Amino acid sequence: MICPYLNMTVSVDNFVKTVYKQSKLPNADTRLSTLAKLLNISNAAATDMARKLAAKQLVNYTKYKPLTLADKGKKACP
């Protein structure tokens, strides 16, 4: 489900949902390389998306660390 109040595109919505789903698994793996494989995108594209979403305060991005959802990103995932 795309959240209109956050003005999210389909690709942003898919990325945030993937981070959310991965974080809920017993062996949570939200590294960018894992997300890139799951979304069939390059590592560079995943990094670029993570930086953009961090600027929008949807994810917490730190270089070489797994992604986590920020409060705003958690609200986007029902």
Protein backbone atom coordinates (compact mmCIF):
# COMPACT_ATOMS: atom_id res chain seq x y z
CA MET A 1 0.00 0.00 0.00
CA ILE A 2 1.40 3.35 -1.01
CA CYS A 3 1.05 6.05 1.62
CA PRO A 4 -0.26 9.19 -0.09
CA TYR A 5 0.32 11.44 2.91
CA LEU A 6 4.04 10.65 2.69
CA ASN A 7 4.06 11.20 -1.08
CA MET A 8 5.83 7.87 -1.67
CA THR A 9 6.45 6.40 -5.09
CA VAL A 10 6.05 2.68 -5.75
CA SER A 11 9.82 2.14 -5.65
CA VAL A 12 10.17 3.99 -2.34
CA ASP A 13 7.21 2.08 -0.92
CA ASN A 14 8.73 -1.25 -1.99
CA PHE A 15 12.10 -0.35 -0.49
CA VAL A 16 10.61 0.68 2.86
CA LYS A 17 8.41 -2.43 2.99
CA THR A 18 11.41 -4.64 2.25
CA VAL A 19 13.38 -3.06 5.09
CA TYR A 20 10.37 -3.57 7.37
CA LYS A 21 9.83 -7.22 6.37
CA GLN A 22 13.53 -8.06 6.68
CA SER A 23 13.73 -6.43 10.11
CA LYS A 24 10.90 -8.66 11.39
CA LEU A 25 12.63 -11.92 10.45
CA PRO A 26 14.36 -13.98 13.17
CA ASN A 27 17.71 -13.50 11.39
CA ALA A 28 17.09 -9.87 10.47
CA ASP A 29 19.35 -8.74 7.64
CA THR A 30 18.82 -5.20 6.42
CA ARG A 31 22.23 -4.67 4.88
CA LEU A 32 22.09 -2.80 1.60
CA SER A 33 23.56 -5.72 -0.35
CA THR A 34 20.75 -7.99 0.89
CA LEU A 35 18.07 -5.43 0.09
CA ALA A 36 19.56 -4.92 -3.38
CA LYS A 37 19.38 -8.66 -4.10
CA LEU A 38 15.79 -8.90 -2.85
CA LEU A 39 14.70 -5.93 -4.96
CA ASN A 40 16.77 -6.92 -8.01
CA ILE A 41 18.65 -3.62 -8.06
CA SER A 42 22.34 -2.77 -7.91
CA ASN A 43 24.13 -2.07 -4.65
CA ALA A 44 24.71 1.49 -5.86
CA ALA A 45 20.98 1.98 -6.46
CA ALA A 46 20.20 0.61 -2.99
CA THR A 47 22.73 2.97 -1.42
CA ASP A 48 21.32 5.91 -3.37
CA MET A 49 17.77 5.04 -2.26
CA ALA A 50 18.88 4.65 1.36
CA ARG A 51 20.49 8.10 1.31
CA LYS A 52 17.39 9.67 -0.21
CA LEU A 53 15.13 8.00 2.33
CA ALA A 54 17.41 9.03 5.17
CA ALA A 55 17.12 12.63 3.97
CA LYS A 56 13.31 12.22 4.17
CA GLN A 57 13.72 10.68 7.65
CA LEU A 58 12.16 7.37 6.61
CA VAL A 59 15.21 5.23 7.41
CA ASN A 60 18.29 5.51 9.58
CA TYR A 61 21.30 5.15 7.31
CA THR A 62 24.89 4.85 8.45
CA LYS A 63 27.60 3.79 6.04
CA TYR A 64 28.48 0.07 6.37
CA LYS A 65 25.67 -0.56 8.88
CA PRO A 66 22.30 -2.28 8.44
CA LEU A 67 19.34 0.00 7.75
CA THR A 68 16.67 0.59 10.33
CA LEU A 69 13.33 2.28 9.91
CA ALA A 70 12.94 5.71 11.44
CA ASP A 71 9.69 6.58 13.21
CA LYS A 72 8.28 8.12 10.05
CA GLY A 73 9.18 4.96 8.10
CA LYS A 74 7.50 2.73 10.68
CA LYS A 75 4.28 4.71 10.27
CA ALA A 76 4.42 4.05 6.52
CA CYS A 77 4.35 0.27 7.11
CA PRO A 78 0.96 -0.90 8.36
